[in-house]
Amino acid sequence: MISMKNLSGDIFGGVTAAVVALPLALAFGVQSGMGAIAGLYGAIALGFFAAAFGGTNTQISGPTGPMTVVSAAIIADEVARYGSVEAAFGTIIATFVLAGLFLILMGVSGIGKYVRYMPYPVISGFMSGIGLIIIIVQIFPFFGMESPATILDVFANITDIASGINYEAFALAAATVAIIYLFPKVTKKIPSSLVALVVLSLLSTLLALDVPIIGDIPKGLPEVHVDTILGMDWHHPMAMVIPALTLAALGAIDSLLTSVVADNMTKTQHDSNRELIGQGIGNAVAGLIGGLPGAGATMRTVVNIKAGGKTKLAGMIHSLVLLFVLLGAGAYAKLIPLPVLAGILVTVGIGIIDYKGLKHISKVPKSDAVIMILVLLMTVFVDLLQAVGIGLVLASVLFMKQMSDTVEAKSINCSLGDFDVKSVVFDKDIPQELAKEIYIENFEGPIFFGFIAHFKRMMQELPDIKVAIFCMKNVPMIDQSGMYAIEDAVLELESKGVRVLITGIQEQPKAMLENIELIPSLVPYEDIFEDLPSALDAIKSGKVELKS
C-alpha cells in the first residue's frame, strides 16, 4: 500500500532504482532493435503502472534481460517479414499490448499461484541460457561492429571480428566492464553502471572517438499509437498470438520470481494474481506508447529495498524520475557510445547466469543436471518457451519415476511411539520455558519443487526460537529445488542465531546435502541424530548448546 509514513524511504528508494534503471533501459532498447528510446518508454510506463496496480509493494519493473531477448527475436522476425522496423511497427507494438492483455487474463484467472511450482533446474537452465544469449549477442558490438541477426550467425561469422575490430570501441567496452566491477570497491553509493555510462560517454565525446553512438532520440512525451494498432493488417492474428503468449508466460515467471526475492527480503507476502494484473496493465500501456515490454526487475527491486523503499510509491517515483530524464536529457543521451552499452549488457548477462546451479551440476541428481543442461541449450539455440515447456514435462516425468523407485525404500526409525510431535517436548521432561524455544518440522514425503513455496512461507512465519529440528524420517528423496530451499532456510535461521538439528535423515537426502556441503559446513555431523527423542535428550542434557 502507498503510505506517507515512509515517504523519505520511498523517495530515496525510487530515485536510487531509477539511477540503476537508466543505463539498463537504454541498453535493452538498443539490443531489442527498437532503439534506446523504446527501452526508456517501457521503463517509464511499466515502472509506474505495474507499481500502482501490482501485488508486490517493493517491486521495480521495467525491461529485463529475458524479456528483451524474446522481444528482440519477435522484432527481428517482423522486420524480416516487413522489411524494416518502421513497416513492422504496428504489428510489433500490437504484440506487446496483446502480451499485456494475456498477463491480465492470467492474473484474473488465478493462474499466478501455479508459477511458483517451477522446478529449480528449469529456472536455472533458463536463466543461464538468457545470460549467455545476452553475452553472445553483444560480442560484435563489444568490438564496435554490428551484430549478426541470430545466435548461429554470430558463431558462423565470429572470425570477421579480427579484420573489422574498432579498437577505440573495444577500449570503451572493456573500460565499461572494468568500471562496473571495480568501482564498487571505491564506493557502492553510486551505481557503477551509471558511472561508466556518464564518464565514458563524456570521454568519447571530448576525444571525438570514432565509435558508433545511440543517435537522435525523440524529444518530449511519447505518442499513443492506438490508431497505428487499429489500422494495421489483422489478416494473420495468430502471427501475434504465439509471440504474445511467449512474452506473457516469460513476464509472469520473471516477475513472480522477483516477487519471491522481495518477499524474502521484506518478510512480506506478495499477491501473485494481482502482480500479474499490474504487470499486464504496465505492459499494455508500454506497448501503446511504443515501449519495450518487461517484468519485475530483481536487481532494481533489491536496490529499492536496500535504499529504504517499502511501498508502491517507490516504484512510481522511479518511473517519474525516468520521465524527467526523458524530457530533459535526450540531447545528451544520443551521444552515448554503443560499445559502452554493450559493456553494460555483458555484465548483465554475466550476472544472470546461475553459477550456483552450474557449480553443483556434478553433485545434484543426474536427472536435475540433464534437465538444466537441456533447458540451457534449448534456450540459447532453439526457443525460450519450448525450453521451459520441455523442461517442465521432463521434470514431472522424472519426478514420477523417482517416486516409484523410492516407494519401497526402507525408512530410518524416527518414531515417537504414542507421543504427538507437537507435545513431545513436554513428554521428554524438557522445561516449559525451553520447550517454547524449540521448533519441530516433521517432513512428510519428498522435498521437491512442488513443496518449496509452502516451505519458504513456513520458514517466514516461524516464531522466535533458539533451535529448529528438521525430522526427515519420511523424506525418501530431495531434488535440487528442495536442496537449495533447505540450504536457504538453514542460512536464514543461523543468521538469526537459531541452531538447526536434523533427525532420521535417509541416504539420498543426506548424500545430496553433503554434495553441496550443507552437511557438515552448515549442519555439522554432531547435529544429526538418529531420531527425534535423541535430539531432544541432547538439548535437555546440554550437549546441544543453544545460542543466547
Protein backbone atom coordinates (compact mmCIF):
# COMPACT_ATOMS: atom_id res chain seq x y z
CA MET A 1 0.00 0.00 0.00
CA ILE A 2 1.01 3.62 -0.55
CA SER A 3 1.72 5.30 2.78
CA MET A 4 3.16 8.66 3.72
CA LYS A 5 4.78 7.16 6.83
CA ASN A 6 7.77 6.01 4.79
CA LEU A 7 7.83 8.91 2.33
CA SER A 8 11.55 9.64 2.65
CA GLY A 9 12.46 5.95 2.26
CA ASP A 10 10.23 5.57 -0.79
CA ILE A 11 11.65 8.70 -2.41
CA PHE A 12 15.24 7.60 -1.85
CA GLY A 13 14.46 4.03 -2.94
CA GLY A 14 12.68 5.20 -6.09
CA VAL A 15 15.39 7.67 -7.09
CA THR A 16 18.14 5.12 -6.49
CA ALA A 17 16.30 2.49 -8.52
CA ALA A 18 15.85 5.00 -11.36
CA VAL A 19 19.57 5.71 -11.41
CA VAL A 20 20.24 1.98 -11.78
CA ALA A 21 17.45 1.57 -14.34
CA LEU A 22 18.51 4.36 -16.73
CA PRO A 23 21.57 2.75 -18.36
CA LEU A 24 19.85 -0.64 -18.45
CA ALA A 25 16.73 0.76 -20.13
CA LEU A 26 18.83 2.44 -22.82
CA ALA A 27 20.94 -0.69 -23.33
CA PHE A 28 17.95 -3.02 -23.57
CA GLY A 29 16.30 -0.65 -26.04
CA VAL A 30 19.33 -0.77 -28.31
CA GLN A 31 19.63 -4.56 -28.04
CA SER A 32 15.97 -5.03 -28.95
CA GLY A 33 16.36 -3.28 -32.29
CA MET A 34 13.70 -0.67 -31.45
CA GLY A 35 16.21 1.92 -30.28
CA ALA A 36 17.22 3.27 -26.88
CA ILE A 37 14.05 5.34 -26.56
CA ALA A 38 11.87 2.20 -26.61
CA GLY A 39 13.68 0.92 -23.54
CA LEU A 40 13.15 4.22 -21.74
CA TYR A 41 9.46 4.36 -22.70
CA GLY A 42 9.00 0.82 -21.44
CA ALA A 43 10.73 1.55 -18.13
CA ILE A 44 8.58 4.65 -17.57
CA ALA A 45 5.19 3.11 -18.41
CA LEU A 46 5.76 -0.31 -16.90
CA GLY A 47 7.51 1.09 -13.84
CA PHE A 48 4.57 3.33 -12.96
CA PHE A 49 1.55 1.17 -13.76
CA ALA A 50 2.97 -2.15 -12.52
CA ALA A 51 3.81 -0.45 -9.22
CA ALA A 52 0.38 1.20 -8.94
CA PHE A 53 -1.69 -1.89 -9.74
CA GLY A 54 0.66 -4.79 -8.87
CA GLY A 55 0.73 -7.08 -5.86
CA THR A 56 4.31 -6.60 -4.65
CA ASN A 57 4.80 -3.34 -2.77
CA THR A 58 8.55 -3.01 -3.31
CA GLN A 59 8.77 -4.32 -6.88
CA ILE A 60 10.51 -2.17 -9.50
CA SER A 61 9.52 -3.11 -13.04
CA GLY A 62 10.92 -2.36 -16.46
CA PRO A 63 12.64 -4.02 -19.43
CA THR A 64 14.66 -7.04 -18.27
CA GLY A 65 17.25 -9.27 -19.89
CA PRO A 66 14.93 -12.25 -20.52
CA MET A 67 12.06 -10.09 -21.82
CA THR A 68 14.41 -8.12 -24.07
CA VAL A 69 15.84 -11.30 -25.58
CA VAL A 70 12.35 -12.50 -26.52
CA SER A 71 11.31 -9.04 -27.71
CA ALA A 72 14.39 -8.81 -29.91
CA ALA A 73 13.53 -12.17 -31.52
CA ILE A 74 9.96 -11.02 -32.19
CA ILE A 75 11.15 -7.72 -33.65
CA ALA A 76 13.71 -9.49 -35.86
CA ASP A 77 11.02 -11.83 -37.21
CA GLU A 78 8.67 -8.95 -38.02
CA VAL A 79 11.43 -6.91 -39.64
CA ALA A 80 12.31 -9.92 -41.82
CA ARG A 81 8.65 -10.09 -42.86
CA TYR A 82 8.02 -6.37 -43.47
CA GLY A 83 11.49 -5.08 -44.36
CA SER A 84 12.06 -2.51 -41.60
CA VAL A 85 11.15 -1.63 -38.02
CA GLU A 86 9.02 1.26 -39.28
CA ALA A 87 6.97 -1.01 -41.58
CA ALA A 88 6.54 -3.63 -38.87
CA PHE A 89 5.94 -1.13 -36.05
CA GLY A 90 2.17 -1.66 -35.81
CA THR A 91 2.45 -5.44 -35.58
CA ILE A 92 5.28 -5.21 -33.05
CA ILE A 93 3.51 -2.92 -30.61
CA ALA A 94 0.20 -4.79 -31.08
CA THR A 95 2.04 -7.96 -30.00
CA PHE A 96 3.38 -6.16 -26.93
CA VAL A 97 -0.09 -4.86 -26.00
CA LEU A 98 -1.56 -8.33 -26.50
CA ALA A 99 1.08 -9.78 -24.18
CA GLY A 100 -0.06 -7.30 -21.53
CA LEU A 101 -3.68 -8.37 -22.01
CA PHE A 102 -2.68 -12.03 -21.66
CA LEU A 103 -0.91 -11.20 -18.39
CA ILE A 104 -4.07 -9.50 -17.10
CA LEU A 105 -6.06 -12.59 -18.08
CA MET A 106 -3.57 -14.83 -16.27
CA GLY A 107 -3.98 -12.75 -13.14
CA VAL A 108 -7.76 -12.61 -13.29
CA SER A 109 -8.00 -16.37 -13.90
CA GLY A 110 -5.84 -17.11 -10.84
CA ILE A 111 -3.02 -18.83 -12.71
CA GLY A 112 -0.36 -16.80 -10.90
CA LYS A 113 -0.17 -19.12 -7.91
CA TYR A 114 0.98 -22.01 -10.11
CA VAL A 115 4.10 -20.26 -11.44
CA ARG A 116 5.79 -20.76 -8.06
CA TYR A 117 5.99 -24.52 -8.72
CA MET A 118 8.70 -24.15 -11.36
CA PRO A 119 11.48 -26.71 -10.68
CA TYR A 120 14.88 -25.22 -9.90
CA PRO A 121 16.73 -26.98 -12.78
CA VAL A 122 14.29 -25.44 -15.29
CA ILE A 123 14.71 -21.95 -13.84
CA SER A 124 18.49 -22.39 -13.59
CA GLY A 125 18.92 -23.61 -17.16
CA PHE A 126 16.59 -20.94 -18.49
CA MET A 127 18.26 -18.03 -16.68
CA SER A 128 21.77 -19.22 -17.59
CA GLY A 129 20.64 -19.55 -21.20
CA ILE A 130 19.27 -16.00 -21.16
CA GLY A 131 22.56 -14.74 -19.73
CA LEU A 132 24.52 -16.49 -22.47
CA ILE A 133 22.25 -15.08 -25.18
CA ILE A 134 22.81 -11.53 -23.92
CA ILE A 135 26.59 -12.03 -23.87
CA ILE A 136 26.73 -13.69 -27.30
CA VAL A 137 24.59 -11.01 -28.94
CA GLN A 138 26.93 -8.31 -27.57
CA ILE A 139 30.17 -9.89 -28.84
CA PHE A 140 30.21 -7.92 -32.10
CA PRO A 141 29.04 -4.57 -30.58
CA PHE A 142 31.74 -5.02 -27.93
CA PHE A 143 34.27 -4.67 -30.75
CA GLY A 144 32.42 -1.79 -32.41
CA MET A 145 30.69 -3.89 -35.07
CA GLU A 146 27.05 -4.61 -35.88
CA SER A 147 25.84 -7.95 -34.55
CA PRO A 148 24.54 -10.64 -36.92
CA ALA A 149 20.82 -11.37 -36.70
CA THR A 150 20.87 -14.75 -34.92
CA ILE A 151 22.97 -16.65 -32.38
CA LEU A 152 24.05 -19.16 -35.03
CA ASP A 153 25.07 -16.30 -37.33
CA VAL A 154 27.23 -14.86 -34.54
CA PHE A 155 29.16 -18.11 -34.30
CA ALA A 156 29.31 -18.51 -38.08
CA ASN A 157 30.82 -15.03 -38.54
CA ILE A 158 32.97 -14.85 -35.41
CA THR A 159 36.20 -14.80 -37.44
CA ASP A 160 35.14 -11.48 -39.03
CA ILE A 161 35.97 -9.70 -35.79
CA ALA A 162 39.72 -9.95 -36.39
CA SER A 163 39.52 -7.92 -39.60
CA GLY A 164 36.75 -5.50 -38.59
CA ILE A 165 37.59 -4.63 -34.99
CA ASN A 166 37.25 -0.99 -33.90
CA TYR A 167 39.96 -0.63 -31.26
CA GLU A 168 38.54 2.58 -29.81
CA ALA A 169 35.16 0.90 -29.36
CA PHE A 170 36.80 -2.15 -27.81
CA ALA A 171 38.68 0.08 -25.35
CA LEU A 172 35.43 1.78 -24.29
CA ALA A 173 33.60 -1.53 -23.86
CA ALA A 174 36.47 -3.05 -21.86
CA ALA A 175 36.68 0.08 -19.71
CA THR A 176 32.94 -0.16 -19.07
CA VAL A 177 33.27 -3.71 -17.75
CA ALA A 178 36.27 -2.71 -15.62
CA ILE A 179 34.44 0.25 -14.06
CA ILE A 180 31.31 -1.79 -13.33
CA TYR A 181 33.30 -4.42 -11.43
CA LEU A 182 35.96 -2.22 -9.82
CA PHE A 183 34.12 0.99 -8.90
CA PRO A 184 32.08 -0.70 -6.09
CA LYS A 185 35.41 -1.28 -4.32
CA VAL A 186 35.66 2.52 -4.06
CA THR A 187 32.01 3.19 -3.12
CA LYS A 188 28.68 1.46 -3.54
CA LYS A 189 26.64 4.61 -3.05
CA ILE A 190 26.69 5.41 -6.78
CA PRO A 191 25.73 2.66 -9.26
CA SER A 192 28.85 1.66 -11.16
CA SER A 193 26.95 1.20 -14.43
CA LEU A 194 25.83 4.84 -14.28
CA VAL A 195 29.41 5.96 -13.57
CA ALA A 196 30.63 4.02 -16.61
CA LEU A 197 27.84 5.45 -18.79
CA VAL A 198 28.46 9.09 -17.85
CA VAL A 199 32.26 9.09 -17.61
CA LEU A 200 32.94 7.13 -20.80
CA SER A 201 30.29 9.00 -22.80
CA LEU A 202 31.94 12.28 -21.81
CA LEU A 203 35.38 10.90 -22.63
CA SER A 204 34.24 9.62 -26.01
CA THR A 205 32.65 12.98 -26.90
CA LEU A 206 35.59 15.11 -25.72
CA LEU A 207 38.13 12.95 -27.55
CA ALA A 208 35.88 12.69 -30.64
CA LEU A 209 36.37 8.93 -30.77
CA ASP A 210 35.27 7.16 -33.92
CA VAL A 211 32.72 4.84 -32.34
CA PRO A 212 29.03 4.17 -33.05
CA ILE A 213 26.62 6.14 -30.82
CA ILE A 214 22.91 5.89 -29.97
CA GLY A 215 21.98 8.78 -32.25
CA ASP A 216 18.90 11.00 -32.23
CA ILE A 217 16.33 10.35 -29.52
CA PRO A 218 12.77 11.72 -29.86
CA LYS A 219 12.05 14.70 -27.62
CA GLY A 220 9.02 15.27 -25.43
CA LEU A 221 6.28 12.91 -24.34
CA PRO A 222 5.73 9.70 -26.34
CA GLU A 223 2.81 9.31 -28.74
CA VAL A 224 -0.05 6.95 -28.01
CA HIS A 225 -0.31 4.59 -31.00
CA VAL A 226 -3.93 3.45 -30.78
CA ASP A 227 -4.59 4.44 -34.41
CA THR A 228 -1.48 2.59 -35.57
CA ILE A 229 -2.69 -0.63 -33.94
CA LEU A 230 -6.25 -0.29 -35.19
CA GLY A 231 -5.07 0.50 -38.72
CA MET A 232 -2.64 -2.42 -39.08
CA ASP A 233 -3.14 -5.61 -41.09
CA TRP A 234 -5.22 -8.02 -38.97
CA HIS A 235 -5.42 -10.82 -41.54
CA HIS A 236 -2.98 -13.05 -39.65
CA PRO A 237 -3.70 -12.54 -35.93
CA MET A 238 -2.09 -15.86 -34.92
CA ALA A 239 1.25 -14.44 -36.02
CA MET A 240 0.93 -12.17 -32.97
CA VAL A 241 -0.83 -14.53 -30.55
CA ILE A 242 2.00 -17.06 -30.14
CA PRO A 243 4.75 -14.42 -29.61
CA ALA A 244 2.45 -12.54 -27.21
CA LEU A 245 1.80 -15.71 -25.21
CA THR A 246 5.55 -16.31 -25.05
CA LEU A 247 6.13 -12.80 -23.69
CA ALA A 248 3.26 -13.14 -21.20
CA ALA A 249 4.48 -16.50 -19.88
CA LEU A 250 8.02 -15.24 -19.51
CA GLY A 251 6.86 -11.96 -17.95
CA ALA A 252 4.85 -13.91 -15.38
CA ILE A 253 7.79 -16.13 -14.45
CA ASP A 254 10.26 -13.23 -14.40
CA SER A 255 8.01 -11.01 -12.27
CA LEU A 256 6.91 -13.62 -9.74
CA LEU A 257 10.46 -14.85 -9.18
CA THR A 258 11.41 -11.26 -8.35
CA SER A 259 8.36 -11.02 -6.08
CA VAL A 260 9.65 -14.04 -4.14
CA VAL A 261 13.03 -12.32 -3.75
CA ALA A 262 11.26 -9.21 -2.46
CA ASP A 263 9.23 -11.32 -0.02
CA ASN A 264 12.37 -12.93 1.37
CA MET A 265 13.99 -9.52 1.92
CA THR A 266 10.99 -7.74 3.42
CA LYS A 267 9.34 -10.71 5.21
CA THR A 268 6.07 -9.94 3.43
CA GLN A 269 3.82 -11.97 1.11
CA HIS A 270 3.00 -10.74 -2.38
CA ASP A 271 -0.30 -11.26 -4.20
CA SER A 272 0.66 -13.31 -7.29
CA ASN A 273 -2.52 -12.74 -9.27
CA ARG A 274 -2.64 -9.03 -8.54
CA GLU A 275 1.01 -8.77 -9.54
CA LEU A 276 0.23 -10.32 -12.94
CA ILE A 277 -2.65 -7.88 -13.43
CA GLY A 278 -0.34 -4.95 -12.65
CA GLN A 279 2.36 -6.26 -14.97
CA GLY A 280 -0.26 -6.75 -17.67
CA ILE A 281 -1.54 -3.18 -17.37
CA GLY A 282 2.02 -1.84 -17.41
CA ASN A 283 3.00 -3.86 -20.47
CA ALA A 284 -0.15 -2.91 -22.35
CA VAL A 285 0.47 0.80 -21.71
CA ALA A 286 4.14 0.42 -22.61
CA GLY A 287 3.15 -1.16 -25.92
CA LEU A 288 0.66 1.64 -26.66
CA ILE A 289 3.43 4.25 -26.44
CA GLY A 290 6.00 2.21 -28.37
CA GLY A 291 7.92 0.95 -25.36
CA LEU A 292 9.55 -2.41 -24.72
CA PRO A 293 7.72 -4.98 -22.60
CA GLY A 294 9.26 -6.00 -19.33
CA ALA A 295 8.72 -7.51 -15.90
CA GLY A 296 9.73 -7.20 -12.29
CA ALA A 297 13.48 -6.46 -12.26
CA THR A 298 15.36 -8.26 -9.50
CA MET A 299 18.41 -6.00 -9.23
CA ARG A 300 16.36 -2.80 -9.28
CA THR A 301 13.92 -4.22 -6.72
CA VAL A 302 16.78 -5.19 -4.38
CA VAL A 303 18.31 -1.71 -4.76
CA ASN A 304 14.96 -0.11 -3.94
CA ILE A 305 14.50 -2.21 -0.79
CA LYS A 306 18.04 -1.61 0.44
CA ALA A 307 17.62 2.13 -0.15
CA GLY A 308 14.51 2.25 2.03
CA GLY A 309 11.60 1.69 -0.37
CA LYS A 310 8.66 -0.05 1.28
CA THR A 311 5.50 0.89 -0.64
CA LYS A 312 4.23 1.19 -4.20
CA LEU A 313 5.15 4.87 -4.14
CA ALA A 314 8.83 3.97 -4.62
CA GLY A 315 8.15 2.26 -7.96
CA MET A 316 6.04 5.18 -9.14
CA ILE A 317 8.73 7.68 -8.14
CA HIS A 318 11.31 5.60 -10.04
CA SER A 319 9.14 5.99 -13.13
CA LEU A 320 8.67 9.74 -12.72
CA VAL A 321 12.42 10.28 -12.33
CA LEU A 322 12.99 8.48 -15.65
CA LEU A 323 10.29 10.66 -17.23
CA PHE A 324 12.13 13.80 -16.11
CA VAL A 325 15.32 12.39 -17.62
CA LEU A 326 13.49 11.75 -20.88
CA LEU A 327 12.21 15.31 -21.02
CA GLY A 328 15.49 16.97 -20.11
CA ALA A 329 18.43 14.80 -21.19
CA GLY A 330 17.54 13.48 -24.63
CA ALA A 331 20.06 15.77 -26.36
CA TYR A 332 22.87 14.28 -24.26
CA ALA A 333 21.71 10.66 -24.31
CA LYS A 334 22.14 10.50 -28.09
CA LEU A 335 25.92 10.80 -27.60
CA ILE A 336 26.20 7.58 -25.56
CA PRO A 337 28.53 5.13 -27.37
CA LEU A 338 27.04 1.77 -28.26
CA PRO A 339 30.19 -0.08 -27.05
CA VAL A 340 29.51 1.31 -23.56
CA LEU A 341 26.01 -0.15 -23.67
CA ALA A 342 27.49 -3.42 -24.93
CA GLY A 343 29.83 -3.50 -21.94
CA ILE A 344 26.90 -2.89 -19.58
CA LEU A 345 24.90 -5.69 -21.18
CA VAL A 346 27.79 -8.14 -20.99
CA THR A 347 27.91 -7.61 -17.21
CA VAL A 348 24.12 -8.03 -17.07
CA GLY A 349 24.43 -11.35 -18.91
CA ILE A 350 27.22 -12.48 -16.60
CA GLY A 351 25.05 -11.60 -13.60
CA ILE A 352 22.05 -13.58 -14.85
CA ILE A 353 23.93 -16.87 -15.23
CA ASP A 354 23.20 -19.25 -12.34
CA TYR A 355 26.68 -20.11 -11.12
CA LYS A 356 25.44 -21.97 -8.05
CA GLY A 357 23.45 -24.38 -10.22
CA LEU A 358 26.35 -24.87 -12.64
CA LYS A 359 28.84 -25.34 -9.80
CA HIS A 360 26.79 -28.18 -8.34
CA ILE A 361 25.93 -29.83 -11.65
CA SER A 362 28.01 -32.92 -10.87
CA LYS A 363 26.63 -33.14 -7.33
CA VAL A 364 22.88 -32.87 -7.87
CA PRO A 365 20.69 -35.79 -9.04
CA LYS A 366 21.58 -36.72 -12.63
CA SER A 367 18.00 -36.09 -13.76
CA ASP A 368 18.17 -32.49 -12.49
CA ALA A 369 21.54 -31.95 -14.21
CA VAL A 370 20.18 -33.28 -17.52
CA ILE A 371 17.13 -31.01 -17.33
CA MET A 372 19.28 -27.98 -16.52
CA ILE A 373 21.67 -28.56 -19.43
CA LEU A 374 18.88 -29.35 -21.88
CA VAL A 375 16.90 -26.23 -20.95
CA LEU A 376 20.05 -24.11 -21.18
CA LEU A 377 20.94 -25.38 -24.67
CA MET A 378 17.37 -25.12 -25.95
CA THR A 379 17.08 -21.59 -24.58
CA VAL A 380 20.20 -20.48 -26.45
CA PHE A 381 19.79 -22.37 -29.72
CA VAL A 382 16.07 -23.21 -30.12
CA ASP A 383 13.29 -21.30 -28.36
CA LEU A 384 12.77 -19.99 -24.84
CA LEU A 385 9.18 -21.10 -24.32
CA GLN A 386 9.85 -24.55 -25.80
CA ALA A 387 12.84 -24.87 -23.48
CA VAL A 388 10.71 -24.17 -20.40
CA GLY A 389 7.85 -26.39 -21.61
CA ILE A 390 10.06 -29.39 -22.32
CA GLY A 391 11.93 -28.83 -19.06
CA LEU A 392 8.68 -28.88 -17.08
CA VAL A 393 7.47 -32.05 -18.78
CA LEU A 394 10.79 -33.81 -18.20
CA ALA A 395 10.92 -32.71 -14.56
CA SER A 396 7.42 -34.07 -13.95
CA VAL A 397 8.10 -37.40 -15.67
CA LEU A 398 11.45 -37.92 -13.93
CA PHE A 399 9.94 -36.99 -10.60
CA MET A 400 7.23 -39.64 -11.01
CA LYS A 401 9.95 -42.19 -11.83
CA GLN A 402 11.94 -41.21 -8.74
CA MET A 403 8.85 -41.62 -6.60
CA SER A 404 8.19 -45.10 -7.99
CA ASP A 405 11.84 -46.03 -7.32
CA THR A 406 11.64 -44.93 -3.67
CA VAL A 407 8.20 -46.28 -2.78
CA GLU A 408 9.73 -49.40 -1.21
CA ALA A 409 12.64 -47.58 0.37
CA LYS A 410 13.31 -48.54 3.97
CA SER A 411 12.88 -45.58 6.36
CA ILE A 412 15.08 -44.96 9.36
CA ASN A 413 13.02 -45.16 12.54
CA CYS A 414 12.33 -41.72 13.94
CA SER A 415 9.08 -42.77 15.61
CA LEU A 416 7.89 -41.10 18.76
CA GLY A 417 5.69 -44.04 19.73
CA ASP A 418 2.49 -42.74 21.27
CA PHE A 419 3.78 -39.18 21.58
CA ASP A 420 2.39 -36.38 19.46
CA VAL A 421 5.13 -34.50 17.62
CA LYS A 422 3.79 -31.16 18.85
CA SER A 423 3.75 -32.11 22.51
CA VAL A 424 6.78 -34.39 22.71
CA VAL A 425 8.97 -31.67 24.20
CA PHE A 426 6.86 -31.73 27.32
CA ASP A 427 6.71 -35.54 27.47
CA LYS A 428 10.53 -35.61 27.45
CA ASP A 429 10.56 -33.55 30.69
CA ILE A 430 12.03 -30.51 29.00
CA PRO A 431 11.30 -27.32 30.97
CA GLN A 432 8.35 -25.42 29.50
CA GLU A 433 10.34 -22.22 29.02
CA LEU A 434 12.92 -24.15 26.95
CA ALA A 435 10.23 -26.04 25.05
CA LYS A 436 8.83 -22.74 23.78
CA GLU A 437 12.19 -22.06 22.13
CA ILE A 438 12.18 -25.31 20.11
CA TYR A 439 10.51 -25.69 16.72
CA ILE A 440 9.99 -29.14 15.18
CA GLU A 441 9.27 -29.56 11.47
CA ASN A 442 8.21 -33.12 10.67
CA PHE A 443 8.59 -33.53 6.91
CA GLU A 444 6.21 -35.96 5.25
CA GLY A 445 7.23 -37.19 1.82
CA PRO A 446 9.77 -35.97 -0.72
CA ILE A 447 11.13 -32.41 -0.59
CA PHE A 448 10.79 -31.39 -4.23
CA PHE A 449 9.93 -28.36 -6.32
CA GLY A 450 6.18 -28.60 -5.62
CA PHE A 451 6.79 -28.24 -1.85
CA ILE A 452 9.16 -25.29 -1.93
CA ALA A 453 6.66 -22.41 -1.89
CA HIS A 454 4.94 -23.81 1.21
CA PHE A 455 8.27 -24.45 2.93
CA LYS A 456 9.55 -20.92 2.32
CA ARG A 457 6.32 -19.41 3.62
CA MET A 458 6.51 -21.66 6.69
CA MET A 459 10.06 -20.50 7.43
CA GLN A 460 9.00 -16.84 7.19
CA GLU A 461 6.24 -17.37 9.76
CA LEU A 462 8.44 -19.01 12.43
CA PRO A 463 8.18 -17.55 15.95
CA ASP A 464 11.24 -16.54 17.98
CA ILE A 465 13.09 -19.78 18.71
CA LYS A 466 16.58 -20.99 19.59
CA VAL A 467 16.62 -24.40 17.89
CA ALA A 468 14.85 -25.84 14.84
CA ILE A 469 14.64 -29.61 14.38
CA PHE A 470 14.06 -30.99 10.89
CA CYS A 471 12.69 -34.53 11.25
CA MET A 472 13.34 -36.19 7.87
CA LYS A 473 12.48 -39.82 8.56
CA ASN A 474 9.71 -39.76 5.96
CA VAL A 475 11.75 -37.99 3.26
CA PRO A 476 12.83 -40.66 0.72
CA MET A 477 14.36 -38.15 -1.70
CA ILE A 478 15.18 -34.50 -2.20
CA ASP A 479 15.64 -32.77 -5.56
CA GLN A 480 17.72 -29.71 -6.47
CA SER A 481 14.90 -27.27 -5.66
CA GLY A 482 14.44 -28.85 -2.24
CA MET A 483 18.17 -28.97 -1.63
CA TYR A 484 18.57 -25.22 -2.11
CA ALA A 485 15.40 -24.46 -0.15
CA ILE A 486 16.82 -26.34 2.84
CA GLU A 487 20.14 -24.51 2.40
CA ASP A 488 18.44 -21.10 2.28
CA ALA A 489 16.35 -21.96 5.36
CA VAL A 490 19.39 -23.08 7.37
CA LEU A 491 21.34 -19.95 6.40
CA GLU A 492 18.45 -17.69 7.38
CA LEU A 493 17.87 -19.48 10.68
CA GLU A 494 21.55 -19.40 11.59
CA SER A 495 21.71 -15.67 10.77
CA LYS A 496 19.05 -15.26 13.50
CA GLY A 497 21.04 -17.32 15.99
CA VAL A 498 18.88 -20.44 15.59
CA ARG A 499 20.66 -23.80 15.74
CA VAL A 500 19.43 -26.38 13.23
CA LEU A 501 19.31 -30.11 14.04
CA ILE A 502 18.38 -32.90 11.61
CA THR A 503 16.92 -36.26 12.64
CA GLY A 504 16.33 -39.55 10.82
CA ILE A 505 17.79 -38.40 7.52
CA GLN A 506 17.83 -41.09 4.83
CA GLU A 507 20.64 -41.95 2.45
CA GLN A 508 19.63 -39.98 -0.66
CA PRO A 509 18.78 -36.67 1.09
CA LYS A 510 21.94 -36.92 3.21
CA ALA A 511 24.12 -37.54 0.14
CA MET A 512 22.55 -34.56 -1.67
CA LEU A 513 23.10 -32.21 1.29
CA GLU A 514 26.68 -33.47 1.63
CA ASN A 515 27.28 -32.82 -2.08
CA ILE A 516 26.63 -29.09 -1.65
CA GLU A 517 28.46 -29.17 1.72
CA LEU A 518 25.43 -28.09 3.70
CA ILE A 519 26.46 -31.11 5.73
CA PRO A 520 28.85 -30.63 7.52
CA SER A 521 29.61 -26.94 6.79
CA LEU A 522 26.25 -25.57 7.96
CA VAL A 523 24.90 -28.55 9.89
CA PRO A 524 27.81 -30.50 11.46
CA TYR A 525 27.55 -34.26 11.93
CA GLU A 526 27.13 -33.85 15.70
CA ASP A 527 23.85 -32.01 14.97
CA ILE A 528 22.45 -35.03 13.07
CA PHE A 529 20.55 -37.55 15.22
CA GLU A 530 19.05 -40.98 14.62
CA ASP A 531 15.64 -39.94 15.89
CA LEU A 532 13.77 -37.04 17.46
CA PRO A 533 13.91 -38.26 21.09
CA SER A 534 17.73 -38.41 20.82
CA ALA A 535 17.83 -34.80 19.64
CA LEU A 536 15.54 -33.67 22.46
CA ASP A 537 17.63 -35.57 25.04
CA ALA A 538 20.75 -33.80 23.72
CA ILE A 539 19.06 -30.42 24.17
CA LYS A 540 17.82 -31.32 27.65
CA SER A 541 21.24 -32.57 28.78
CA GLY A 542 23.06 -29.53 27.40
CA LYS A 543 25.05 -31.47 24.77
CA VAL A 544 23.49 -29.13 22.23
CA GLU A 545 24.31 -25.62 23.35
CA LEU A 546 21.74 -23.01 22.39
CA LYS A 547 22.83 -19.52 21.47
CA SER A 548 21.77 -16.81 23.87
